[in-house]
Amino acid sequence: MKLDRNIKSNNGEGKYALLLLRKVRAFPKSSIAAKEAHECIMRLCEIGVLDFGRKPETEFFVVRLKDEHALPALRAYANDAEEDDFEYATEVRGLASRSGKYSAFCKKPD
């Protein structure tokens, strides 16, 4: 199995996208941007394509490649995944090779 981002028809896009909630919350409350963002977010929730991971069965933990701790996390994930799917594990190792200290954007998580 390939990572979604590595399937040609996906043009480098992955299975998920990140909604930068801190940026949304930083909009002045009465601004047009805040109102539009709220409407868009509510619509995505209504149609079932936005998941905040609030339930035990939908929890998640996102790690950006630039996170200084991403490298060991992705290596461990790939090692564990290798037993089930060598190709997938290899692709995760590719991400690991560009993560953490190997990322030009490496930083502490926030």
PDB file of N, CA and C in Angstrom:
ATOM      1  N   MET A   1       0.841  -1.174   0.000  1.00  0.00           N
ATOM      2  CA  MET A   1       0.000   0.000   0.000  1.00  0.00           C
ATOM      3  C   MET A   1       0.889   1.241   0.000  1.00  0.00           C
ATOM      4  N   LYS A   2       0.493   2.239  -0.764  1.00  0.00           N
ATOM      5  CA  LYS A   2       1.231   3.492  -0.809  1.00  0.00           C
ATOM      6  C   LYS A   2       0.548   4.530   0.085  1.00  0.00           C
ATOM      7  N   LEU A   3       1.341   5.491   0.550  1.00  0.00           N
ATOM      8  CA  LEU A   3       0.765   6.646   1.213  1.00  0.00           C
ATOM      9  C   LEU A   3      -0.059   7.397   0.173  1.00  0.00           C
ATOM     10  N   ASP A   4      -1.191   7.930   0.546  1.00  0.00           N
ATOM     11  CA  ASP A   4      -2.049   8.649  -0.399  1.00  0.00           C
ATOM     12  C   ASP A   4      -1.280   9.742  -1.134  1.00  0.00           C
ATOM     13  N   ARG A   5      -0.399  10.435  -0.445  1.00  0.00           N
ATOM     14  CA  ARG A   5       0.355  11.526  -1.051  1.00  0.00           C
ATOM     15  C   ARG A   5       1.291  11.047  -2.159  1.00  0.00           C
ATOM     16  N   ASN A   6       1.600   9.752  -2.187  1.00  0.00           N
ATOM     17  CA  ASN A   6       2.506   9.203  -3.194  1.00  0.00           C
ATOM     18  C   ASN A   6       1.784   8.552  -4.368  1.00  0.00           C
ATOM     19  N   ILE A   7       0.466   8.628  -4.376  1.00  0.00           N
ATOM     20  CA  ILE A   7      -0.305   8.118  -5.510  1.00  0.00           C
ATOM     21  C   ILE A   7      -0.402   9.249  -6.519  1.00  0.00           C
ATOM     22  N   LYS A   8       0.021   9.002  -7.740  1.00  0.00           N
ATOM     23  CA  LYS A   8       0.102  10.068  -8.749  1.00  0.00           C
ATOM     24  C   LYS A   8      -1.177  10.879  -8.877  1.00  0.00           C
ATOM     25  N   SER A   9      -2.311  10.228  -8.874  1.00  0.00           N
ATOM     26  CA  SER A   9      -3.577  10.934  -9.079  1.00  0.00           C
ATOM     27  C   SER A   9      -3.903  11.893  -7.934  1.00  0.00           C
ATOM     28  N   ASN A  10      -3.203  11.781  -6.817  1.00  0.00           N
ATOM     29  CA  ASN A  10      -3.462  12.666  -5.681  1.00  0.00           C
ATOM     30  C   ASN A  10      -2.605  13.927  -5.701  1.00  0.00           C
ATOM     31  N   ASN A  11      -1.716  14.032  -6.682  1.00  0.00           N
ATOM     32  CA  ASN A  11      -0.889  15.233  -6.849  1.00  0.00           C
ATOM     33  C   ASN A  11      -0.163  15.667  -5.573  1.00  0.00           C
ATOM     34  N   GLY A  12       0.299  14.708  -4.792  1.00  0.00           N
ATOM     35  CA  GLY A  12       1.061  15.022  -3.592  1.00  0.00           C
ATOM     36  C   GLY A  12       0.212  15.326  -2.372  1.00  0.00           C
ATOM     37  N   GLU A  13      -1.106  15.280  -2.513  1.00  0.00           N
ATOM     38  CA  GLU A  13      -1.965  15.515  -1.367  1.00  0.00           C
ATOM     39  C   GLU A  13      -2.160  14.214  -0.604  1.00  0.00           C
ATOM     40  N   GLY A  14      -2.217  14.323   0.701  1.00  0.00           N
ATOM     41  CA  GLY A  14      -2.390  13.147   1.537  1.00  0.00           C
ATOM     42  C   GLY A  14      -3.837  12.815   1.778  1.00  0.00           C
ATOM     43  N   LYS A  15      -4.041  11.923   2.702  1.00  0.00           N
ATOM     44  CA  LYS A  15      -5.375  11.460   3.064  1.00  0.00           C
ATOM     45  C   LYS A  15      -6.136  12.525   3.849  1.00  0.00           C
ATOM     46  N   TYR A  16      -5.404  13.369   4.546  1.00  0.00           N
ATOM     47  CA  TYR A  16      -6.006  14.383   5.408  1.00  0.00           C
ATOM     48  C   TYR A  16      -5.431  15.759   5.075  1.00  0.00           C
ATOM     49  N   ALA A  17      -6.095  16.784   5.565  1.00  0.00           N
ATOM     50  CA  ALA A  17      -5.602  18.161   5.500  1.00  0.00           C
ATOM     51  C   ALA A  17      -5.678  18.722   6.915  1.00  0.00           C
ATOM     52  N   LEU A  18      -4.857  19.700   7.214  1.00  0.00           N
ATOM     53  CA  LEU A  18      -4.891  20.301   8.538  1.00  0.00           C
ATOM     54  C   LEU A  18      -5.674  21.608   8.505  1.00  0.00           C
ATOM     55  N   LEU A  19      -6.536  21.755   9.458  1.00  0.00           N
ATOM     56  CA  LEU A  19      -7.252  23.008   9.665  1.00  0.00           C
ATOM     57  C   LEU A  19      -6.529  23.708  10.814  1.00  0.00           C
ATOM     58  N   LEU A  20      -5.963  24.858  10.545  1.00  0.00           N
ATOM     59  CA  LEU A  20      -5.157  25.554  11.539  1.00  0.00           C
ATOM     60  C   LEU A  20      -6.065  26.367  12.466  1.00  0.00           C
ATOM     61  N   LEU A  21      -6.581  25.689  13.475  1.00  0.00           N
ATOM     62  CA  LEU A  21      -7.569  26.286  14.368  1.00  0.00           C
ATOM     63  C   LEU A  21      -7.035  27.502  15.122  1.00  0.00           C
ATOM     64  N   ARG A  22      -5.768  27.495  15.482  1.00  0.00           N
ATOM     65  CA  ARG A  22      -5.213  28.665  16.175  1.00  0.00           C
ATOM     66  C   ARG A  22      -5.303  29.907  15.290  1.00  0.00           C
ATOM     67  N   LYS A  23      -5.064  29.731  14.004  1.00  0.00           N
ATOM     68  CA  LYS A  23      -5.168  30.875  13.089  1.00  0.00           C
ATOM     69  C   LYS A  23      -6.611  31.335  12.955  1.00  0.00           C
ATOM     70  N   VAL A  24      -7.531  30.378  12.884  1.00  0.00           N
ATOM     71  CA  VAL A  24      -8.952  30.730  12.804  1.00  0.00           C
ATOM     72  C   VAL A  24      -9.361  31.489  14.060  1.00  0.00           C
ATOM     73  N   ARG A  25      -8.947  31.002  15.216  1.00  0.00           N
ATOM     74  CA  ARG A  25      -9.311  31.648  16.483  1.00  0.00           C
ATOM     75  C   ARG A  25      -8.669  33.022  16.646  1.00  0.00           C
ATOM     76  N   ALA A  26      -7.589  33.268  15.923  1.00  0.00           N
ATOM     77  CA  ALA A  26      -6.884  34.550  16.020  1.00  0.00           C
ATOM     78  C   ALA A  26      -7.569  35.666  15.232  1.00  0.00           C
ATOM     79  N   PHE A  27      -8.503  35.297  14.342  1.00  0.00           N
ATOM     80  CA  PHE A  27      -9.223  36.337  13.609  1.00  0.00           C
ATOM     81  C   PHE A  27     -10.010  37.183  14.606  1.00  0.00           C
ATOM     82  N   PRO A  28     -10.056  38.493  14.407  1.00  0.00           N
ATOM     83  CA  PRO A  28     -10.936  39.307  15.266  1.00  0.00           C
ATOM     84  C   PRO A  28     -12.359  38.750  15.185  1.00  0.00           C
ATOM     85  N   LYS A  29     -13.001  38.579  16.319  1.00  0.00           N
ATOM     86  CA  LYS A  29     -14.304  37.902  16.388  1.00  0.00           C
ATOM     87  C   LYS A  29     -15.353  38.448  15.419  1.00  0.00           C
ATOM     88  N   SER A  30     -15.374  39.739  15.226  1.00  0.00           N
ATOM     89  CA  SER A  30     -16.411  40.331  14.380  1.00  0.00           C
ATOM     90  C   SER A  30     -15.974  40.506  12.922  1.00  0.00           C
ATOM     91  N   SER A  31     -14.790  40.003  12.584  1.00  0.00           N
ATOM     92  CA  SER A  31     -14.300  40.192  11.218  1.00  0.00           C
ATOM     93  C   SER A  31     -15.041  39.302  10.216  1.00  0.00           C
ATOM     94  N   ILE A  32     -15.010  39.726   8.985  1.00  0.00           N
ATOM     95  CA  ILE A  32     -15.615  38.936   7.908  1.00  0.00           C
ATOM     96  C   ILE A  32     -14.906  37.584   7.806  1.00  0.00           C
ATOM     97  N   ALA A  33     -13.581  37.588   7.950  1.00  0.00           N
ATOM     98  CA  ALA A  33     -12.820  36.336   7.863  1.00  0.00           C
ATOM     99  C   ALA A  33     -13.277  35.343   8.927  1.00  0.00           C
ATOM    100  N   ALA A  34     -13.497  35.824  10.151  1.00  0.00           N
ATOM    101  CA  ALA A  34     -13.943  34.940  11.232  1.00  0.00           C
ATOM    102  C   ALA A  34     -15.309  34.358  10.923  1.00  0.00           C
ATOM    103  N   LYS A  35     -16.209  35.196  10.444  1.00  0.00           N
ATOM    104  CA  LYS A  35     -17.559  34.730  10.121  1.00  0.00           C
ATOM    105  C   LYS A  35     -17.533  33.718   8.977  1.00  0.00           C
ATOM    106  N   GLU A  36     -16.752  34.012   7.932  1.00  0.00           N
ATOM    107  CA  GLU A  36     -16.660  33.092   6.794  1.00  0.00           C
ATOM    108  C   GLU A  36     -16.027  31.771   7.205  1.00  0.00           C
ATOM    109  N   ALA A  37     -14.959  31.834   8.005  1.00  0.00           N
ATOM    110  CA  ALA A  37     -14.308  30.610   8.468  1.00  0.00           C
ATOM    111  C   ALA A  37     -15.276  29.773   9.290  1.00  0.00           C
ATOM    112  N   HIS A  38     -16.009  30.424  10.195  1.00  0.00           N
ATOM    113  CA  HIS A  38     -16.971  29.703  11.027  1.00  0.00           C
ATOM    114  C   HIS A  38     -18.033  29.021  10.162  1.00  0.00           C
ATOM    115  N   GLU A  39     -18.548  29.729   9.184  1.00  0.00           N
ATOM    116  CA  GLU A  39     -19.561  29.145   8.291  1.00  0.00           C
ATOM    117  C   GLU A  39     -18.998  27.951   7.521  1.00  0.00           C
ATOM    118  N   CYS A  40     -17.791  28.096   7.025  1.00  0.00           N
ATOM    119  CA  CYS A  40     -17.163  26.996   6.273  1.00  0.00           C
ATOM    120  C   CYS A  40     -16.927  25.781   7.166  1.00  0.00           C
ATOM    121  N   ILE A  41     -16.428  26.020   8.353  1.00  0.00           N
ATOM    122  CA  ILE A  41     -16.167  24.926   9.296  1.00  0.00           C
ATOM    123  C   ILE A  41     -17.467  24.225   9.667  1.00  0.00           C
ATOM    124  N   MET A  42     -18.504  25.002   9.948  1.00  0.00           N
ATOM    125  CA  MET A  42     -19.800  24.413  10.306  1.00  0.00           C
ATOM    126  C   MET A  42     -20.341  23.578   9.144  1.00  0.00           C
ATOM    127  N   ARG A  43     -20.192  24.055   7.938  1.00  0.00           N
ATOM    128  CA  ARG A  43     -20.681  23.298   6.765  1.00  0.00           C
ATOM    129  C   ARG A  43     -19.907  21.989   6.608  1.00  0.00           C
ATOM    130  N   LEU A  44     -18.597  22.032   6.778  1.00  0.00           N
ATOM    131  CA  LEU A  44     -17.792  20.810   6.693  1.00  0.00           C
ATOM    132  C   LEU A  44     -18.209  19.807   7.767  1.00  0.00           C
ATOM    133  N   CYS A  45     -18.539  20.305   8.947  1.00  0.00           N
ATOM    134  CA  CYS A  45     -19.041  19.423  10.018  1.00  0.00           C
ATOM    135  C   CYS A  45     -20.380  18.807   9.620  1.00  0.00           C
ATOM    136  N   GLU A  46     -21.270  19.637   9.076  1.00  0.00           N
ATOM    137  CA  GLU A  46     -22.603  19.157   8.680  1.00  0.00           C
ATOM    138  C   GLU A  46     -22.538  18.033   7.651  1.00  0.00           C
ATOM    139  N   ILE A  47     -21.614  18.147   6.710  1.00  0.00           N
ATOM    140  CA  ILE A  47     -21.543  17.117   5.661  1.00  0.00           C
ATOM    141  C   ILE A  47     -20.627  15.952   6.041  1.00  0.00           C
ATOM    142  N   GLY A  48     -20.077  16.008   7.258  1.00  0.00           N
ATOM    143  CA  GLY A  48     -19.343  14.867   7.792  1.00  0.00           C
ATOM    144  C   GLY A  48     -17.914  14.695   7.324  1.00  0.00           C
ATOM    145  N   VAL A  49     -17.271  15.779   6.876  1.00  0.00           N
ATOM    146  CA  VAL A  49     -15.889  15.629   6.421  1.00  0.00           C
ATOM    147  C   VAL A  49     -14.867  16.302   7.338  1.00  0.00           C
ATOM    148  N   LEU A  50     -15.327  16.832   8.444  1.00  0.00           N
ATOM    149  CA  LEU A  50     -14.426  17.450   9.412  1.00  0.00           C
ATOM    150  C   LEU A  50     -14.580  16.721  10.743  1.00  0.00           C
ATOM    151  N   ASP A  51     -13.483  16.252  11.270  1.00  0.00           N
ATOM    152  CA  ASP A  51     -13.494  15.453  12.491  1.00  0.00           C
ATOM    153  C   ASP A  51     -12.508  16.068  13.477  1.00  0.00           C
ATOM    154  N   PHE A  52     -12.990  16.515  14.616  1.00  0.00           N
ATOM    155  CA  PHE A  52     -12.134  17.122  15.629  1.00  0.00           C
ATOM    156  C   PHE A  52     -11.521  16.086  16.579  1.00  0.00           C
ATOM    157  N   GLY A  53     -11.841  14.817  16.412  1.00  0.00           N
ATOM    158  CA  GLY A  53     -11.258  13.766  17.250  1.00  0.00           C
ATOM    159  C   GLY A  53     -11.694  13.841  18.697  1.00  0.00           C
ATOM    160  N   ARG A  54     -12.891  14.280  18.940  1.00  0.00           N
ATOM    161  CA  ARG A  54     -13.371  14.475  20.307  1.00  0.00           C
ATOM    162  C   ARG A  54     -13.862  13.201  20.982  1.00  0.00           C
ATOM    163  N   LYS A  55     -14.098  12.158  20.207  1.00  0.00           N
ATOM    164  CA  LYS A  55     -14.602  10.899  20.770  1.00  0.00           C
ATOM    165  C   LYS A  55     -13.446   9.904  20.857  1.00  0.00           C
ATOM    166  N   PRO A  56     -13.514   8.980  21.811  1.00  0.00           N
ATOM    167  CA  PRO A  56     -12.438   7.993  21.920  1.00  0.00           C
ATOM    168  C   PRO A  56     -12.165   7.248  20.609  1.00  0.00           C
ATOM    169  N   GLU A  57     -13.207   6.954  19.852  1.00  0.00           N
ATOM    170  CA  GLU A  57     -12.997   6.200  18.605  1.00  0.00           C
ATOM    171  C   GLU A  57     -12.476   7.049  17.448  1.00  0.00           C
ATOM    172  N   THR A  58     -12.394   8.379  17.638  1.00  0.00           N
ATOM    173  CA  THR A  58     -11.895   9.240  16.552  1.00  0.00           C
ATOM    174  C   THR A  58     -10.669  10.051  16.951  1.00  0.00           C
ATOM    175  N   GLU A  59     -10.096   9.770  18.122  1.00  0.00           N
ATOM    176  CA  GLU A  59      -8.919  10.523  18.568  1.00  0.00           C
ATOM    177  C   GLU A  59      -7.779  10.375  17.565  1.00  0.00           C
ATOM    178  N   PHE A  60      -6.933  11.389  17.518  1.00  0.00           N
ATOM    179  CA  PHE A  60      -5.762  11.351  16.643  1.00  0.00           C
ATOM    180  C   PHE A  60      -4.651  12.198  17.242  1.00  0.00           C
ATOM    181  N   PHE A  61      -3.463  12.036  16.680  1.00  0.00           N
ATOM    182  CA  PHE A  61      -2.293  12.809  17.088  1.00  0.00           C
ATOM    183  C   PHE A  61      -1.521  13.118  15.817  1.00  0.00           C
ATOM    184  N   VAL A  62      -1.438  14.377  15.477  1.00  0.00           N
ATOM    185  CA  VAL A  62      -0.788  14.789  14.234  1.00  0.00           C
ATOM    186  C   VAL A  62       0.653  15.187  14.520  1.00  0.00           C
ATOM    187  N   VAL A  63       1.571  14.729  13.677  1.00  0.00           N
ATOM    188  CA  VAL A  63       2.972  15.105  13.799  1.00  0.00           C
ATOM    189  C   VAL A  63       3.422  15.670  12.452  1.00  0.00           C
ATOM    190  N   ARG A  64       3.836  16.913  12.452  1.00  0.00           N
ATOM    191  CA  ARG A  64       4.397  17.491  11.231  1.00  0.00           C
ATOM    192  C   ARG A  64       5.845  17.039  11.097  1.00  0.00           C
ATOM    193  N   LEU A  65       6.312  16.928   9.874  1.00  0.00           N
ATOM    194  CA  LEU A  65       7.684  16.488   9.658  1.00  0.00           C
ATOM    195  C   LEU A  65       8.686  17.446  10.288  1.00  0.00           C
ATOM    196  N   LYS A  66       8.356  18.722  10.388  1.00  0.00           N
ATOM    197  CA  LYS A  66       9.279  19.693  10.960  1.00  0.00           C
ATOM    198  C   LYS A  66       9.408  19.575  12.479  1.00  0.00           C
ATOM    199  N   ASP A  67       8.534  18.834  13.118  1.00  0.00           N
ATOM    200  CA  ASP A  67       8.603  18.625  14.569  1.00  0.00           C
ATOM    201  C   ASP A  67       9.914  17.913  14.899  1.00  0.00           C
ATOM    202  N   GLU A  68      10.660  18.467  15.848  1.00  0.00           N
ATOM    203  CA  GLU A  68      11.974  17.882  16.156  1.00  0.00           C
ATOM    204  C   GLU A  68      11.887  16.440  16.651  1.00  0.00           C
ATOM    205  N   HIS A  69      10.716  16.002  17.082  1.00  0.00           N
ATOM    206  CA  HIS A  69      10.545  14.627  17.570  1.00  0.00           C
ATOM    207  C   HIS A  69       9.952  13.688  16.511  1.00  0.00           C
ATOM    208  N   ALA A  70       9.717  14.198  15.316  1.00  0.00           N
ATOM    209  CA  ALA A  70       9.071  13.395  14.272  1.00  0.00           C
ATOM    210  C   ALA A  70       9.933  12.221  13.806  1.00  0.00           C
ATOM    211  N   LEU A  71      11.232  12.425  13.712  1.00  0.00           N
ATOM    212  CA  LEU A  71      12.112  11.372  13.189  1.00  0.00           C
ATOM    213  C   LEU A  71      11.998  10.067  13.976  1.00  0.00           C
ATOM    214  N   PRO A  72      12.223  10.055  15.288  1.00  0.00           N
ATOM    215  CA  PRO A  72      12.105   8.774  16.009  1.00  0.00           C
ATOM    216  C   PRO A  72      10.677   8.231  15.998  1.00  0.00           C
ATOM    217  N   ALA A  73       9.690   9.118  15.995  1.00  0.00           N
ATOM    218  CA  ALA A  73       8.298   8.657  15.971  1.00  0.00           C
ATOM    219  C   ALA A  73       7.990   7.947  14.663  1.00  0.00           C
ATOM    220  N   LEU A  74       8.400   8.528  13.555  1.00  0.00           N
ATOM    221  CA  LEU A  74       8.133   7.913  12.250  1.00  0.00           C
ATOM    222  C   LEU A  74       8.944   6.640  12.042  1.00  0.00           C
ATOM    223  N   ARG A  75      10.166   6.631  12.536  1.00  0.00           N
ATOM    224  CA  ARG A  75      10.972   5.400  12.435  1.00  0.00           C
ATOM    225  C   ARG A  75      10.299   4.261  13.198  1.00  0.00           C
ATOM    226  N   ALA A  76       9.843   4.540  14.405  1.00  0.00           N
ATOM    227  CA  ALA A  76       9.169   3.510  15.207  1.00  0.00           C
ATOM    228  C   ALA A  76       7.895   3.046  14.517  1.00  0.00           C
ATOM    229  N   TYR A  77       7.151   3.981  13.952  1.00  0.00           N
ATOM    230  CA  TYR A  77       5.918   3.637  13.240  1.00  0.00           C
ATOM    231  C   TYR A  77       6.234   2.744  12.040  1.00  0.00           C
ATOM    232  N   ALA A  78       7.248   3.122  11.278  1.00  0.00           N
ATOM    233  CA  ALA A  78       7.630   2.329  10.107  1.00  0.00           C
ATOM    234  C   ALA A  78       8.085   0.934  10.511  1.00  0.00           C
ATOM    235  N   ASN A  79       8.860   0.840  11.569  1.00  0.00           N
ATOM    236  CA  ASN A  79       9.329  -0.468  12.031  1.00  0.00           C
ATOM    237  C   ASN A  79       8.156  -1.366  12.394  1.00  0.00           C
ATOM    238  N   ASP A  80       7.168  -0.809  13.054  1.00  0.00           N
ATOM    239  CA  ASP A  80       6.011  -1.589  13.449  1.00  0.00           C
ATOM    240  C   ASP A  80       5.156  -1.959  12.232  1.00  0.00           C
ATOM    241  N   ALA A  81       5.015  -1.029  11.292  1.00  0.00           N
ATOM    242  CA  ALA A  81       4.185  -1.264  10.103  1.00  0.00           C
ATOM    243  C   ALA A  81       4.813  -2.269   9.136  1.00  0.00           C
ATOM    244  N   GLU A  82       6.122  -2.415   9.195  1.00  0.00           N
ATOM    245  CA  GLU A  82       6.834  -3.267   8.240  1.00  0.00           C
ATOM    246  C   GLU A  82       6.335  -4.706   8.239  1.00  0.00           C
ATOM    247  N   GLU A  83       5.936  -5.190   9.395  1.00  0.00           N
ATOM    248  CA  GLU A  83       5.453  -6.558   9.502  1.00  0.00           C
ATOM    249  C   GLU A  83       4.206  -6.788   8.632  1.00  0.00           C
ATOM    250  N   ASP A  84       3.358  -5.777   8.544  1.00  0.00           N
ATOM    251  CA  ASP A  84       2.122  -5.888   7.771  1.00  0.00           C
ATOM    252  C   ASP A  84       2.272  -5.477   6.314  1.00  0.00           C
ATOM    253  N   ASP A  85       3.098  -4.448   6.060  1.00  0.00           N
ATOM    254  CA  ASP A  85       3.163  -3.894   4.704  1.00  0.00           C
ATOM    255  C   ASP A  85       4.520  -3.226   4.480  1.00  0.00           C
ATOM    256  N   PHE A  86       5.420  -3.939   3.812  1.00  0.00           N
ATOM    257  CA  PHE A  86       6.777  -3.451   3.591  1.00  0.00           C
ATOM    258  C   PHE A  86       6.788  -2.164   2.766  1.00  0.00           C
ATOM    259  N   GLU A  87       5.960  -2.104   1.727  1.00  0.00           N
ATOM    260  CA  GLU A  87       5.932  -0.916   0.861  1.00  0.00           C
ATOM    261  C   GLU A  87       5.501   0.324   1.658  1.00  0.00           C
ATOM    262  N   TYR A  88       4.473   0.187   2.449  1.00  0.00           N
ATOM    263  CA  TYR A  88       3.981   1.287   3.276  1.00  0.00           C
ATOM    264  C   TYR A  88       5.060   1.722   4.268  1.00  0.00           C
ATOM    265  N   ALA A  89       5.694   0.780   4.923  1.00  0.00           N
ATOM    266  CA  ALA A  89       6.760   1.089   5.882  1.00  0.00           C
ATOM    267  C   ALA A  89       7.901   1.835   5.199  1.00  0.00           C
ATOM    268  N   THR A  90       8.228   1.431   3.984  1.00  0.00           N
ATOM    269  CA  THR A  90       9.284   2.099   3.222  1.00  0.00           C
ATOM    270  C   THR A  90       8.900   3.550   2.931  1.00  0.00           C
ATOM    271  N   GLU A  91       7.648   3.780   2.597  1.00  0.00           N
ATOM    272  CA  GLU A  91       7.201   5.142   2.318  1.00  0.00           C
ATOM    273  C   GLU A  91       7.209   6.001   3.584  1.00  0.00           C
ATOM    274  N   VAL A  92       6.862   5.413   4.717  1.00  0.00           N
ATOM    275  CA  VAL A  92       6.921   6.149   5.981  1.00  0.00           C
ATOM    276  C   VAL A  92       8.379   6.469   6.306  1.00  0.00           C
ATOM    277  N   ARG A  93       9.289   5.558   6.032  1.00  0.00           N
ATOM    278  CA  ARG A  93      10.716   5.835   6.249  1.00  0.00           C
ATOM    279  C   ARG A  93      11.180   6.995   5.360  1.00  0.00           C
ATOM    280  N   GLY A  94      10.609   7.099   4.170  1.00  0.00           N
ATOM    281  CA  GLY A  94      10.914   8.242   3.308  1.00  0.00           C
ATOM    282  C   GLY A  94      10.514   9.549   3.973  1.00  0.00           C
ATOM    283  N   LEU A  95       9.353   9.554   4.620  1.00  0.00           N
ATOM    284  CA  LEU A  95       8.942  10.746   5.371  1.00  0.00           C
ATOM    285  C   LEU A  95       9.929  11.007   6.510  1.00  0.00           C
ATOM    286  N   ALA A  96      10.296   9.947   7.201  1.00  0.00           N
ATOM    287  CA  ALA A  96      11.221  10.084   8.331  1.00  0.00           C
ATOM    288  C   ALA A  96      12.540  10.697   7.883  1.00  0.00           C
ATOM    289  N   SER A  97      12.984  10.348   6.692  1.00  0.00           N
ATOM    290  CA  SER A  97      14.278  10.860   6.206  1.00  0.00           C
ATOM    291  C   SER A  97      14.247  12.366   5.956  1.00  0.00           C
ATOM    292  N   ARG A  98      13.052  12.952   5.920  1.00  0.00           N
ATOM    293  CA  ARG A  98      12.917  14.404   5.724  1.00  0.00           C
ATOM    294  C   ARG A  98      12.378  15.089   6.973  1.00  0.00           C
ATOM    295  N   SER A  99      12.368  14.374   8.071  1.00  0.00           N
ATOM    296  CA  SER A  99      11.726  14.895   9.279  1.00  0.00           C
ATOM    297  C   SER A  99      12.737  15.261  10.358  1.00  0.00           C
ATOM    298  N   GLY A 100      12.213  15.891  11.408  1.00  0.00           N
ATOM    299  CA  GLY A 100      13.036  16.227  12.566  1.00  0.00           C
ATOM    300  C   GLY A 100      14.279  16.995  12.174  1.00  0.00           C
ATOM    301  N   LYS A 101      15.421  16.542  12.643  1.00  0.00           N
ATOM    302  CA  LYS A 101      16.677  17.250  12.383  1.00  0.00           C
ATOM    303  C   LYS A 101      17.028  17.312  10.898  1.00  0.00           C
ATOM    304  N   TYR A 102      16.406  16.474  10.076  1.00  0.00           N
ATOM    305  CA  TYR A 102      16.660  16.498   8.643  1.00  0.00           C
ATOM    306  C   TYR A 102      15.743  17.462   7.893  1.00  0.00           C
ATOM    307  N   SER A 103      14.822  18.075   8.607  1.00  0.00           N
ATOM    308  CA  SER A 103      13.924  19.058   7.995  1.00  0.00           C
ATOM    309  C   SER A 103      14.551  20.439   8.070  1.00  0.00           C
ATOM    310  N   ALA A 104      14.521  21.155   6.964  1.00  0.00           N
ATOM    311  CA  ALA A 104      15.028  22.530   6.958  1.00  0.00           C
ATOM    312  C   ALA A 104      14.188  23.431   7.861  1.00  0.00           C
ATOM    313  N   PHE A 105      13.012  22.957   8.246  1.00  0.00           N
ATOM    314  CA  PHE A 105      12.084  23.746   9.045  1.00  0.00           C
ATOM    315  C   PHE A 105      11.969  23.248  10.479  1.00  0.00           C
ATOM    316  N   CYS A 106      12.912  22.396  10.898  1.00  0.00           N
ATOM    317  CA  CYS A 106      12.868  21.753  12.213  1.00  0.00           C
ATOM    318  C   CYS A 106      12.625  22.772  13.328  1.00  0.00           C
ATOM    319  N   LYS A 107      11.696  22.416  14.221  1.00  0.00           N
ATOM    320  CA  LYS A 107      11.410  23.282  15.366  1.00  0.00           C
ATOM    321  C   LYS A 107      10.777  22.474  16.487  1.00  0.00           C
ATOM    322  N   LYS A 108      10.770  23.065  17.651  1.00  0.00           N
ATOM    323  CA  LYS A 108      10.106  22.434  18.798  1.00  0.00           C
ATOM    324  C   LYS A 108       8.612  22.452  18.546  1.00  0.00           C
ATOM    325  N   PRO A 109       7.895  21.421  19.007  1.00  0.00           N
ATOM    326  CA  PRO A 109       6.447  21.412  18.817  1.00  0.00           C
ATOM    327  C   PRO A 109       5.802  22.521  19.638  1.00  0.00           C
ATOM    328  N   ASP A 110       4.663  22.995  19.141  1.00  0.00           N
ATOM    329  CA  ASP A 110       3.951  24.033  19.902  1.00  0.00           C
ATOM    330  C   ASP A 110       2.516  23.663  20.153  1.00  0.00           C
TER     331      ASP A 110
END
